PDB file of all heavy atoms in Angstrom:
ATOM      1  N   ARG A   1       5.245 -13.578  -6.725  1.00  0.00           N
ATOM      2  CA  ARG A   1       4.034 -13.367  -7.513  1.00  0.00           C
ATOM      3  C   ARG A   1       3.040 -12.514  -6.735  1.00  0.00           C
ATOM      4  O   ARG A   1       2.779 -12.803  -5.567  1.00  0.00           O
ATOM      5  CB  ARG A   1       3.383 -14.684  -7.904  1.00  0.00           C
ATOM      6  CG  ARG A   1       4.259 -15.605  -8.755  1.00  0.00           C
ATOM      7  CD  ARG A   1       4.473 -15.063 -10.120  1.00  0.00           C
ATOM      8  NE  ARG A   1       5.228 -16.009 -10.948  1.00  0.00           N
ATOM      9  CZ  ARG A   1       5.747 -15.710 -12.116  1.00  0.00           C
ATOM     10  NH1 ARG A   1       5.621 -14.479 -12.601  1.00  0.00           N
ATOM     11  NH2 ARG A   1       6.410 -16.608 -12.813  1.00  0.00           N
ATOM     12  N   PHE A   2       2.484 -11.508  -7.372  1.00  0.00           N
ATOM     13  CA  PHE A   2       1.528 -10.642  -6.699  1.00  0.00           C
ATOM     14  C   PHE A   2       0.323 -11.440  -6.207  1.00  0.00           C
ATOM     15  O   PHE A   2      -0.225 -11.165  -5.141  1.00  0.00           O
ATOM     16  CB  PHE A   2       1.064  -9.541  -7.681  1.00  0.00           C
ATOM     17  CG  PHE A   2       0.214  -8.487  -7.084  1.00  0.00           C
ATOM     18  CD1 PHE A   2       0.746  -7.472  -6.335  1.00  0.00           C
ATOM     19  CD2 PHE A   2      -1.169  -8.496  -7.274  1.00  0.00           C
ATOM     20  CE1 PHE A   2      -0.053  -6.453  -5.778  1.00  0.00           C
ATOM     21  CE2 PHE A   2      -1.976  -7.500  -6.728  1.00  0.00           C
ATOM     22  CZ  PHE A   2      -1.400  -6.483  -5.975  1.00  0.00           C
ATOM     23  N   SER A   3      -0.076 -12.436  -6.990  1.00  0.00           N
ATOM     24  CA  SER A   3      -1.251 -13.248  -6.627  1.00  0.00           C
ATOM     25  C   SER A   3      -1.032 -14.094  -5.378  1.00  0.00           C
ATOM     26  O   SER A   3      -1.993 -14.562  -4.781  1.00  0.00           O
ATOM     27  CB  SER A   3      -1.621 -14.177  -7.794  1.00  0.00           C
ATOM     28  OG  SER A   3      -0.524 -15.039  -8.106  1.00  0.00           O
ATOM     29  N   GLU A   4       0.220 -14.286  -4.978  1.00  0.00           N
ATOM     30  CA  GLU A   4       0.543 -15.107  -3.816  1.00  0.00           C
ATOM     31  C   GLU A   4       0.766 -14.262  -2.554  1.00  0.00           C
ATOM     32  O   GLU A   4       1.057 -14.802  -1.498  1.00  0.00           O
ATOM     33  CB  GLU A   4       1.807 -15.934  -4.092  1.00  0.00           C
ATOM     34  CG  GLU A   4       1.630 -16.896  -5.268  1.00  0.00           C
ATOM     35  CD  GLU A   4       2.914 -17.564  -5.665  1.00  0.00           C
ATOM     36  OE1 GLU A   4       3.981 -17.225  -5.084  1.00  0.00           O
ATOM     37  OE2 GLU A   4       2.880 -18.413  -6.567  1.00  0.00           O
ATOM     38  N   MET A   5       0.608 -12.939  -2.655  1.00  0.00           N
ATOM     39  CA  MET A   5       0.851 -12.070  -1.518  1.00  0.00           C
ATOM     40  C   MET A   5      -0.385 -11.916  -0.650  1.00  0.00           C
ATOM     41  O   MET A   5      -1.524 -12.084  -1.111  1.00  0.00           O
ATOM     42  CB  MET A   5       1.289 -10.666  -2.018  1.00  0.00           C
ATOM     43  CG  MET A   5       2.598 -10.643  -2.774  1.00  0.00           C
ATOM     44  SD  MET A   5       2.975  -8.932  -3.301  1.00  0.00           S
ATOM     45  CE  MET A   5       4.359  -9.259  -4.397  1.00  0.00           C
ATOM     46  N   SER A   6      -0.145 -11.558   0.608  1.00  0.00           N
ATOM     47  CA  SER A   6      -1.254 -11.210   1.507  1.00  0.00           C
ATOM     48  C   SER A   6      -1.823  -9.848   1.107  1.00  0.00           C
ATOM     49  O   SER A   6      -1.231  -9.109   0.338  1.00  0.00           O
ATOM     50  CB  SER A   6      -0.751 -11.148   2.952  1.00  0.00           C
ATOM     51  OG  SER A   6       0.113 -10.019   3.132  1.00  0.00           O
ATOM     52  N   ASP A   7      -3.005  -9.527   1.658  1.00  0.00           N
ATOM     53  CA  ASP A   7      -3.597  -8.239   1.352  1.00  0.00           C
ATOM     54  C   ASP A   7      -2.703  -7.087   1.733  1.00  0.00           C
ATOM     55  O   ASP A   7      -2.569  -6.085   0.990  1.00  0.00           O
ATOM     56  CB  ASP A   7      -4.942  -8.110   2.044  1.00  0.00           C
ATOM     57  CG  ASP A   7      -6.045  -8.958   1.404  1.00  0.00           C
ATOM     58  OD1 ASP A   7      -5.948  -9.234   0.194  1.00  0.00           O
ATOM     59  OD2 ASP A   7      -6.977  -9.361   2.132  1.00  0.00           O
ATOM     60  N   GLY A   8      -2.050  -7.179   2.893  1.00  0.00           N
ATOM     61  CA  GLY A   8      -1.166  -6.117   3.327  1.00  0.00           C
ATOM     62  C   GLY A   8       0.051  -5.981   2.440  1.00  0.00           C
ATOM     63  O   GLY A   8       0.492  -4.859   2.149  1.00  0.00           O
ATOM     64  N   GLN A   9       0.599  -7.079   1.983  1.00  0.00           N
ATOM     65  CA  GLN A   9       1.758  -7.057   1.078  1.00  0.00           C
ATOM     66  C   GLN A   9       1.331  -6.472  -0.287  1.00  0.00           C
ATOM     67  O   GLN A   9       2.088  -5.686  -0.867  1.00  0.00           O
ATOM     68  CB  GLN A   9       2.314  -8.446   0.893  1.00  0.00           C
ATOM     69  CG  GLN A   9       3.002  -8.973   2.144  1.00  0.00           C
ATOM     70  CD  GLN A   9       3.325 -10.462   2.036  1.00  0.00           C
ATOM     71  OE1 GLN A   9       2.684 -11.206   1.309  1.00  0.00           O
ATOM     72  NE2 GLN A   9       4.347 -10.873   2.797  1.00  0.00           N
ATOM     73  N   ARG A  10       0.182  -6.835  -0.764  1.00  0.00           N
ATOM     74  CA  ARG A  10      -0.320  -6.261  -2.031  1.00  0.00           C
ATOM     75  C   ARG A  10      -0.452  -4.744  -1.903  1.00  0.00           C
ATOM     76  O   ARG A  10      -0.098  -4.011  -2.846  1.00  0.00           O
ATOM     77  CB  ARG A  10      -1.670  -6.871  -2.386  1.00  0.00           C
ATOM     78  CG  ARG A  10      -1.607  -8.310  -2.836  1.00  0.00           C
ATOM     79  CD  ARG A  10      -2.998  -8.779  -3.270  1.00  0.00           C
ATOM     80  NE  ARG A  10      -2.974 -10.181  -3.707  1.00  0.00           N
ATOM     81  CZ  ARG A  10      -3.871 -10.706  -4.536  1.00  0.00           C
ATOM     82  NH1 ARG A  10      -4.847  -9.959  -4.993  1.00  0.00           N
ATOM     83  NH2 ARG A  10      -3.794 -11.966  -4.893  1.00  0.00           N
ATOM     84  N   GLN A  11      -0.985  -4.304  -0.800  1.00  0.00           N
ATOM     85  CA  GLN A  11      -1.167  -2.860  -0.599  1.00  0.00           C
ATOM     86  C   GLN A  11       0.175  -2.124  -0.660  1.00  0.00           C
ATOM     87  O   GLN A  11       0.286  -1.021  -1.216  1.00  0.00           O
ATOM     88  CB  GLN A  11      -1.865  -2.600   0.744  1.00  0.00           C
ATOM     89  CG  GLN A  11      -2.436  -1.208   0.901  1.00  0.00           C
ATOM     90  CD  GLN A  11      -3.721  -1.018   0.114  1.00  0.00           C
ATOM     91  OE1 GLN A  11      -4.062  -1.816  -0.746  1.00  0.00           O
ATOM     92  NE2 GLN A  11      -4.441   0.046   0.421  1.00  0.00           N
ATOM     93  N   ARG A  12       1.206  -2.743  -0.122  1.00  0.00           N
ATOM     94  CA  ARG A  12       2.517  -2.129  -0.125  1.00  0.00           C
ATOM     95  C   ARG A  12       3.087  -2.030  -1.559  1.00  0.00           C
ATOM     96  O   ARG A  12       3.657  -1.015  -1.949  1.00  0.00           O
ATOM     97  CB  ARG A  12       3.482  -2.918   0.769  1.00  0.00           C
ATOM     98  CG  ARG A  12       4.753  -2.230   1.130  1.00  0.00           C
ATOM     99  CD  ARG A  12       5.463  -2.975   2.257  1.00  0.00           C
ATOM    100  NE  ARG A  12       4.759  -2.811   3.504  1.00  0.00           N
ATOM    101  CZ  ARG A  12       5.014  -1.861   4.405  1.00  0.00           C
ATOM    102  NH1 ARG A  12       5.970  -0.976   4.139  1.00  0.00           N
ATOM    103  NH2 ARG A  12       4.350  -1.777   5.516  1.00  0.00           N
ATOM    104  N   ILE A  13       2.847  -3.066  -2.347  1.00  0.00           N
ATOM    105  CA  ILE A  13       3.313  -3.061  -3.741  1.00  0.00           C
ATOM    106  C   ILE A  13       2.519  -2.059  -4.578  1.00  0.00           C
ATOM    107  O   ILE A  13       3.093  -1.361  -5.440  1.00  0.00           O
ATOM    108  CB  ILE A  13       3.203  -4.475  -4.357  1.00  0.00           C
ATOM    109  CG1 ILE A  13       4.246  -5.391  -3.703  1.00  0.00           C
ATOM    110  CG2 ILE A  13       3.408  -4.439  -5.856  1.00  0.00           C
ATOM    111  CD1 ILE A  13       5.680  -5.003  -3.952  1.00  0.00           C
ATOM    112  N   LEU A  14       1.237  -1.949  -4.341  1.00  0.00           N
ATOM    113  CA  LEU A  14       0.427  -0.955  -5.054  1.00  0.00           C
ATOM    114  C   LEU A  14       0.839   0.467  -4.712  1.00  0.00           C
ATOM    115  O   LEU A  14       0.786   1.358  -5.559  1.00  0.00           O
ATOM    116  CB  LEU A  14      -1.064  -1.174  -4.781  1.00  0.00           C
ATOM    117  CG  LEU A  14      -1.656  -2.490  -5.329  1.00  0.00           C
ATOM    118  CD1 LEU A  14      -3.099  -2.648  -4.869  1.00  0.00           C
ATOM    119  CD2 LEU A  14      -1.559  -2.535  -6.844  1.00  0.00           C
ATOM    120  N   LEU A  15       1.222   0.669  -3.453  1.00  0.00           N
ATOM    121  CA  LEU A  15       1.760   1.996  -3.091  1.00  0.00           C
ATOM    122  C   LEU A  15       3.078   2.238  -3.802  1.00  0.00           C
ATOM    123  O   LEU A  15       3.334   3.367  -4.268  1.00  0.00           O
ATOM    124  CB  LEU A  15       1.934   2.054  -1.574  1.00  0.00           C
ATOM    125  CG  LEU A  15       2.535   3.370  -1.018  1.00  0.00           C
ATOM    126  CD1 LEU A  15       1.686   4.567  -1.419  1.00  0.00           C
ATOM    127  CD2 LEU A  15       2.629   3.296   0.519  1.00  0.00           C
ATOM    128  N   ALA A  16       3.915   1.219  -3.922  1.00  0.00           N
ATOM    129  CA  ALA A  16       5.152   1.363  -4.684  1.00  0.00           C
ATOM    130  C   ALA A  16       4.867   1.761  -6.125  1.00  0.00           C
ATOM    131  O   ALA A  16       5.531   2.629  -6.690  1.00  0.00           O
ATOM    132  CB  ALA A  16       5.961   0.066  -4.635  1.00  0.00           C
ATOM    133  N   ARG A  17       3.893   1.113  -6.733  1.00  0.00           N
ATOM    134  CA  ARG A  17       3.533   1.426  -8.143  1.00  0.00           C
ATOM    135  C   ARG A  17       3.144   2.895  -8.242  1.00  0.00           C
ATOM    136  O   ARG A  17       3.538   3.602  -9.186  1.00  0.00           O
ATOM    137  CB  ARG A  17       2.395   0.547  -8.609  1.00  0.00           C
ATOM    138  CG  ARG A  17       1.938   0.807 -10.050  1.00  0.00           C
ATOM    139  CD  ARG A  17       0.695   0.064 -10.400  1.00  0.00           C
ATOM    140  NE  ARG A  17      -0.477   0.509  -9.626  1.00  0.00           N
ATOM    141  CZ  ARG A  17      -1.698   0.030  -9.789  1.00  0.00           C
ATOM    142  NH1 ARG A  17      -1.933  -0.923 -10.680  1.00  0.00           N
ATOM    143  NH2 ARG A  17      -2.700   0.475  -9.068  1.00  0.00           N
ATOM    144  N   ALA A  18       2.363   3.380  -7.276  1.00  0.00           N
ATOM    145  CA  ALA A  18       1.913   4.776  -7.312  1.00  0.00           C
ATOM    146  C   ALA A  18       3.099   5.719  -7.157  1.00  0.00           C
ATOM    147  O   ALA A  18       3.151   6.751  -7.859  1.00  0.00           O
ATOM    148  CB  ALA A  18       0.882   5.010  -6.210  1.00  0.00           C
ATOM    149  N   LEU A  19       4.034   5.401  -6.288  1.00  0.00           N
ATOM    150  CA  LEU A  19       5.161   6.291  -6.053  1.00  0.00           C
ATOM    151  C   LEU A  19       6.162   6.267  -7.220  1.00  0.00           C
ATOM    152  O   LEU A  19       6.776   7.294  -7.552  1.00  0.00           O
ATOM    153  CB  LEU A  19       5.865   5.931  -4.756  1.00  0.00           C
ATOM    154  CG  LEU A  19       5.041   6.164  -3.497  1.00  0.00           C
ATOM    155  CD1 LEU A  19       5.765   5.650  -2.284  1.00  0.00           C
ATOM    156  CD2 LEU A  19       4.712   7.633  -3.313  1.00  0.00           C
ATOM    157  N   VAL A  20       6.294   5.115  -7.857  1.00  0.00           N
ATOM    158  CA  VAL A  20       7.152   5.011  -9.040  1.00  0.00           C
ATOM    159  C   VAL A  20       6.633   5.914 -10.158  1.00  0.00           C
ATOM    160  O   VAL A  20       7.416   6.385 -10.983  1.00  0.00           O
ATOM    161  CB  VAL A  20       7.240   3.535  -9.510  1.00  0.00           C
ATOM    162  CG1 VAL A  20       7.748   3.402 -10.942  1.00  0.00           C
ATOM    163  CG2 VAL A  20       8.140   2.745  -8.567  1.00  0.00           C
ATOM    164  N   GLN A  21       5.362   6.166 -10.147  1.00  0.00           N
ATOM    165  CA  GLN A  21       4.737   7.079 -11.125  1.00  0.00           C
ATOM    166  C   GLN A  21       5.234   8.499 -10.960  1.00  0.00           C
ATOM    167  O   GLN A  21       5.106   9.311 -11.874  1.00  0.00           O
ATOM    168  CB  GLN A  21       3.217   7.001 -10.958  1.00  0.00           C
ATOM    169  CG  GLN A  21       2.394   7.616 -12.051  1.00  0.00           C
ATOM    170  CD  GLN A  21       0.913   7.329 -11.799  1.00  0.00           C
ATOM    171  OE1 GLN A  21       0.536   6.234 -11.434  1.00  0.00           O
ATOM    172  NE2 GLN A  21       0.087   8.328 -12.034  1.00  0.00           N
ATOM    173  N   GLN A  22       5.781   8.841  -9.788  1.00  0.00           N
ATOM    174  CA  GLN A  22       6.265  10.187  -9.453  1.00  0.00           C
ATOM    175  C   GLN A  22       5.179  11.245  -9.669  1.00  0.00           C
ATOM    176  O   GLN A  22       5.363  12.228 -10.388  1.00  0.00           O
ATOM    177  CB  GLN A  22       7.517  10.527 -10.269  1.00  0.00           C
ATOM    178  CG  GLN A  22       8.713   9.652  -9.919  1.00  0.00           C
ATOM    179  CD  GLN A  22       9.969  10.038 -10.646  1.00  0.00           C
ATOM    180  OE1 GLN A  22       9.989  10.139 -11.871  1.00  0.00           O
ATOM    181  NE2 GLN A  22      11.033  10.273  -9.903  1.00  0.00           N
ATOM    182  N   PRO A  23       4.027  11.079  -8.988  1.00  0.00           N
ATOM    183  CA  PRO A  23       2.935  11.992  -9.182  1.00  0.00           C
ATOM    184  C   PRO A  23       3.070  13.277  -8.362  1.00  0.00           C
ATOM    185  O   PRO A  23       3.859  13.343  -7.409  1.00  0.00           O
ATOM    186  CB  PRO A  23       1.721  11.176  -8.662  1.00  0.00           C
ATOM    187  CG  PRO A  23       2.320  10.387  -7.540  1.00  0.00           C
ATOM    188  CD  PRO A  23       3.712  10.028  -8.003  1.00  0.00           C
ATOM    189  N   GLU A  24       2.308  14.275  -8.731  1.00  0.00           N
ATOM    190  CA  GLU A  24       2.154  15.467  -7.896  1.00  0.00           C
ATOM    191  C   GLU A  24       1.131  15.218  -6.790  1.00  0.00           C
ATOM    192  O   GLU A  24       1.226  15.816  -5.701  1.00  0.00           O
ATOM    193  CB  GLU A  24       1.680  16.651  -8.726  1.00  0.00           C
ATOM    194  CG  GLU A  24       2.618  17.108  -9.833  1.00  0.00           C
ATOM    195  CD  GLU A  24       1.957  18.147 -10.698  1.00  0.00           C
ATOM    196  OE1 GLU A  24       1.364  19.100 -10.157  1.00  0.00           O
ATOM    197  OE2 GLU A  24       2.005  18.016 -11.954  1.00  0.00           O
ATOM    198  N   LEU A  25       0.145  14.401  -7.109  1.00  0.00           N
ATOM    199  CA  LEU A  25      -0.971  14.113  -6.213  1.00  0.00           C
ATOM    200  C   LEU A  25      -1.122  12.628  -6.004  1.00  0.00           C
ATOM    201  O   LEU A  25      -1.123  11.860  -6.977  1.00  0.00           O
ATOM    202  CB  LEU A  25      -2.281  14.672  -6.799  1.00  0.00           C
ATOM    203  CG  LEU A  25      -3.600  14.323  -6.096  1.00  0.00           C
ATOM    204  CD1 LEU A  25      -3.661  14.938  -4.705  1.00  0.00           C
ATOM    205  CD2 LEU A  25      -4.790  14.795  -6.939  1.00  0.00           C
ATOM    206  N   LEU A  26      -1.209  12.194  -4.757  1.00  0.00           N
ATOM    207  CA  LEU A  26      -1.393  10.792  -4.412  1.00  0.00           C
ATOM    208  C   LEU A  26      -2.678  10.676  -3.601  1.00  0.00           C
ATOM    209  O   LEU A  26      -2.795  11.269  -2.554  1.00  0.00           O
ATOM    210  CB  LEU A  26      -0.203  10.251  -3.621  1.00  0.00           C
ATOM    211  CG  LEU A  26      -0.314   8.814  -3.112  1.00  0.00           C
ATOM    212  CD1 LEU A  26      -0.488   7.830  -4.249  1.00  0.00           C
ATOM    213  CD2 LEU A  26       0.957   8.483  -2.301  1.00  0.00           C
ATOM    214  N   LEU A  27      -3.618   9.878  -4.113  1.00  0.00           N
ATOM    215  CA  LEU A  27      -4.919   9.662  -3.493  1.00  0.00           C
ATOM    216  C   LEU A  27      -5.020   8.219  -3.030  1.00  0.00           C
ATOM    217  O   LEU A  27      -4.790   7.296  -3.809  1.00  0.00           O
ATOM    218  CB  LEU A  27      -6.054   9.978  -4.462  1.00  0.00           C
ATOM    219  CG  LEU A  27      -6.112  11.399  -5.023  1.00  0.00           C
ATOM    220  CD1 LEU A  27      -7.064  11.488  -6.188  1.00  0.00           C
ATOM    221  CD2 LEU A  27      -6.520  12.407  -3.927  1.00  0.00           C
ATOM    222  N   LEU A  28      -5.358   8.008  -1.756  1.00  0.00           N
ATOM    223  CA  LEU A  28      -5.444   6.652  -1.207  1.00  0.00           C
ATOM    224  C   LEU A  28      -6.763   6.491  -0.485  1.00  0.00           C
ATOM    225  O   LEU A  28      -7.099   7.296   0.403  1.00  0.00           O
ATOM    226  CB  LEU A  28      -4.271   6.387  -0.254  1.00  0.00           C
ATOM    227  CG  LEU A  28      -2.880   6.641  -0.775  1.00  0.00           C
ATOM    228  CD1 LEU A  28      -2.372   7.987  -0.237  1.00  0.00           C
ATOM    229  CD2 LEU A  28      -1.917   5.546  -0.338  1.00  0.00           C
ATOM    230  N   ASP A  29      -7.500   5.418  -0.800  1.00  0.00           N
ATOM    231  CA  ASP A  29      -8.762   5.118  -0.131  1.00  0.00           C
ATOM    232  C   ASP A  29      -8.519   3.987   0.861  1.00  0.00           C
ATOM    233  O   ASP A  29      -8.273   2.850   0.499  1.00  0.00           O
ATOM    234  CB  ASP A  29      -9.799   4.705  -1.188  1.00  0.00           C
ATOM    235  CG  ASP A  29     -11.197   4.617  -0.594  1.00  0.00           C
ATOM    236  OD1 ASP A  29     -11.413   5.152   0.487  1.00  0.00           O
ATOM    237  OD2 ASP A  29     -12.086   4.020  -1.241  1.00  0.00           O
ATOM    238  N   GLU A  30      -8.579   4.323   2.149  1.00  0.00           N
ATOM    239  CA  GLU A  30      -8.381   3.372   3.247  1.00  0.00           C
ATOM    240  C   GLU A  30      -7.109   2.550   3.070  1.00  0.00           C
ATOM    241  O   GLU A  30      -7.124   1.319   3.035  1.00  0.00           O
ATOM    242  CB  GLU A  30      -9.589   2.449   3.360  1.00  0.00           C
ATOM    243  CG  GLU A  30     -10.898   3.112   3.723  1.00  0.00           C
ATOM    244  CD  GLU A  30     -10.941   3.605   5.179  1.00  0.00           C
ATOM    245  OE1 GLU A  30     -10.071   3.199   5.966  1.00  0.00           O
ATOM    246  OE2 GLU A  30     -11.823   4.375   5.513  1.00  0.00           O
ATOM    247  N   PRO A  31      -5.929   3.208   2.984  1.00  0.00           N
ATOM    248  CA  PRO A  31      -4.709   2.461   2.698  1.00  0.00           C
ATOM    249  C   PRO A  31      -4.268   1.508   3.815  1.00  0.00           C
ATOM    250  O   PRO A  31      -3.501   0.586   3.581  1.00  0.00           O
ATOM    251  CB  PRO A  31      -3.668   3.570   2.510  1.00  0.00           C
ATOM    252  CG  PRO A  31      -4.198   4.720   3.303  1.00  0.00           C
ATOM    253  CD  PRO A  31      -5.684   4.653   3.137  1.00  0.00           C
ATOM    254  N   SER A  32      -4.758   1.736   5.044  1.00  0.00           N
ATOM    255  CA  SER A  32      -4.350   0.875   6.155  1.00  0.00           C
ATOM    256  C   SER A  32      -5.385  -0.210   6.464  1.00  0.00           C
ATOM    257  O   SER A  32      -5.289  -0.900   7.494  1.00  0.00           O
ATOM    258  CB  SER A  32      -4.137   1.721   7.422  1.00  0.00           C
ATOM    259  OG  SER A  32      -5.328   2.373   7.805  1.00  0.00           O
ATOM    260  N   ALA A  33      -6.351  -0.436   5.552  1.00  0.00           N
ATOM    261  CA  ALA A  33      -7.442  -1.342   5.842  1.00  0.00           C
ATOM    262  C   ALA A  33      -6.983  -2.762   6.144  1.00  0.00           C
ATOM    263  O   ALA A  33      -7.597  -3.478   6.950  1.00  0.00           O
ATOM    264  CB  ALA A  33      -8.429  -1.352   4.663  1.00  0.00           C
ATOM    265  N   PHE A  34      -5.884  -3.216   5.521  1.00  0.00           N
ATOM    266  CA  PHE A  34      -5.443  -4.581   5.673  1.00  0.00           C
ATOM    267  C   PHE A  34      -4.202  -4.707   6.556  1.00  0.00           C
ATOM    268  O   PHE A  34      -3.559  -5.754   6.562  1.00  0.00           O
ATOM    269  CB  PHE A  34      -5.154  -5.211   4.296  1.00  0.00           C
ATOM    270  CG  PHE A  34      -6.316  -5.167   3.355  1.00  0.00           C
ATOM    271  CD1 PHE A  34      -6.257  -4.451   2.167  1.00  0.00           C
ATOM    272  CD2 PHE A  34      -7.498  -5.840   3.658  1.00  0.00           C
ATOM    273  CE1 PHE A  34      -7.345  -4.426   1.290  1.00  0.00           C
ATOM    274  CE2 PHE A  34      -8.574  -5.814   2.806  1.00  0.00           C
ATOM    275  CZ  PHE A  34      -8.505  -5.107   1.631  1.00  0.00           C
ATOM    276  N   LEU A  35      -3.872  -3.652   7.305  1.00  0.00           N
ATOM    277  CA  LEU A  35      -2.653  -3.670   8.072  1.00  0.00           C
ATOM    278  C   LEU A  35      -2.952  -3.777   9.563  1.00  0.00           C
ATOM    279  O   LEU A  35      -4.011  -3.343  10.053  1.00  0.00           O
ATOM    280  CB  LEU A  35      -1.871  -2.375   7.817  1.00  0.00           C
ATOM    281  CG  LEU A  35      -1.501  -2.075   6.364  1.00  0.00           C
ATOM    282  CD1 LEU A  35      -0.774  -0.732   6.277  1.00  0.00           C
ATOM    283  CD2 LEU A  35      -0.658  -3.192   5.769  1.00  0.00           C
ATOM    284  N   ASP A  36      -2.006  -4.377  10.326  1.00  0.00           N
ATOM    285  CA  ASP A  36      -2.181  -4.424  11.754  1.00  0.00           C
ATOM    286  C   ASP A  36      -1.831  -3.061  12.365  1.00  0.00           C
ATOM    287  O   ASP A  36      -1.381  -2.146  11.663  1.00  0.00           O
ATOM    288  CB  ASP A  36      -1.354  -5.551  12.383  1.00  0.00           C
ATOM    289  CG  ASP A  36       0.128  -5.447  12.102  1.00  0.00           C
ATOM    290  OD1 ASP A  36       0.619  -4.308  11.948  1.00  0.00           O
ATOM    291  OD2 ASP A  36       0.803  -6.481  12.013  1.00  0.00           O
ATOM    292  N   VAL A  37      -1.978  -2.945  13.669  1.00  0.00           N
ATOM    293  CA  VAL A  37      -1.886  -1.630  14.336  1.00  0.00           C
ATOM    294  C   VAL A  37      -0.511  -0.985  14.117  1.00  0.00           C
ATOM    295  O   VAL A  37      -0.391   0.193  13.732  1.00  0.00           O
ATOM    296  CB  VAL A  37      -2.195  -1.734  15.839  1.00  0.00           C
ATOM    297  CG1 VAL A  37      -1.955  -0.415  16.532  1.00  0.00           C
ATOM    298  CG2 VAL A  37      -3.638  -2.208  16.058  1.00  0.00           C
ATOM    299  N   GLY A  38       0.549  -1.740  14.358  1.00  0.00           N
ATOM    300  CA  GLY A  38       1.880  -1.162  14.208  1.00  0.00           C
ATOM    301  C   GLY A  38       2.149  -0.741  12.777  1.00  0.00           C
ATOM    302  O   GLY A  38       2.749   0.314  12.519  1.00  0.00           O
ATOM    303  N   ALA A  39       1.735  -1.580  11.810  1.00  0.00           N
ATOM    304  CA  ALA A  39       1.973  -1.270  10.416  1.00  0.00           C
ATOM    305  C   ALA A  39       1.184  -0.028   9.975  1.00  0.00           C
ATOM    306  O   ALA A  39       1.618   0.696   9.074  1.00  0.00           O
ATOM    307  CB  ALA A  39       1.587  -2.463   9.524  1.00  0.00           C
ATOM    308  N   ARG A  40       0.054   0.239  10.583  1.00  0.00           N
ATOM    309  CA  ARG A  40      -0.708   1.439  10.261  1.00  0.00           C
ATOM    310  C   ARG A  40       0.036   2.691  10.651  1.00  0.00           C
ATOM    311  O   ARG A  40       0.053   3.684   9.894  1.00  0.00           O
ATOM    312  CB  ARG A  40      -2.072   1.399  10.960  1.00  0.00           C
ATOM    313  CG  ARG A  40      -3.001   0.304  10.446  1.00  0.00           C
ATOM    314  CD  ARG A  40      -4.245   0.184  11.291  1.00  0.00           C
ATOM    315  NE  ARG A  40      -5.028  -0.970  10.860  1.00  0.00           N
ATOM    316  CZ  ARG A  40      -6.148  -1.379  11.464  1.00  0.00           C
ATOM    317  NH1 ARG A  40      -6.605  -0.709  12.524  1.00  0.00           N
ATOM    318  NH2 ARG A  40      -6.788  -2.428  11.013  1.00  0.00           N
ATOM    319  N   VAL A  41       0.665   2.685  11.808  1.00  0.00           N
ATOM    320  CA  VAL A  41       1.476   3.822  12.243  1.00  0.00           C
ATOM    321  C   VAL A  41       2.671   3.986  11.305  1.00  0.00           C
ATOM    322  O   VAL A  41       2.990   5.097  10.866  1.00  0.00           O
ATOM    323  CB  VAL A  41       1.910   3.643  13.690  1.00  0.00           C
ATOM    324  CG1 VAL A  41       2.813   4.795  14.127  1.00  0.00           C
ATOM    325  CG2 VAL A  41       0.709   3.578  14.613  1.00  0.00           C
ATOM    326  N   ASP A  42       3.320   2.876  10.984  1.00  0.00           N
ATOM    327  CA  ASP A  42       4.459   2.912  10.086  1.00  0.00           C
ATOM    328  C   ASP A  42       4.068   3.518   8.730  1.00  0.00           C
ATOM    329  O   ASP A  42       4.816   4.324   8.160  1.00  0.00           O
ATOM    330  CB  ASP A  42       5.040   1.516   9.872  1.00  0.00           C
ATOM    331  CG  ASP A  42       5.748   0.983  11.097  1.00  0.00           C
ATOM    332  OD1 ASP A  42       5.997   1.755  12.040  1.00  0.00           O
ATOM    333  OD2 ASP A  42       6.005  -0.247  11.143  1.00  0.00           O
ATOM    334  N   LEU A  43       2.919   3.099   8.202  1.00  0.00           N
ATOM    335  CA  LEU A  43       2.476   3.592   6.899  1.00  0.00           C
ATOM    336  C   LEU A  43       2.238   5.102   6.942  1.00  0.00           C
ATOM    337  O   LEU A  43       2.673   5.811   6.028  1.00  0.00           O
ATOM    338  CB  LEU A  43       1.197   2.863   6.475  1.00  0.00           C
ATOM    339  CG  LEU A  43       0.598   3.357   5.162  1.00  0.00           C
ATOM    340  CD1 LEU A  43       1.544   3.147   3.987  1.00  0.00           C
ATOM    341  CD2 LEU A  43      -0.753   2.683   4.872  1.00  0.00           C
TER     342      LEU A  43
END
């Protein structure tokens, strides 16, 4: 359930939703805000 996820997990699912849209343009406002240091580099 999305409601049971951590903030970082939710951010990953919302990014998946955006990519599933297959856009030409992807805009992200502070996408690493809820991620730890290693996950920020990975993202």
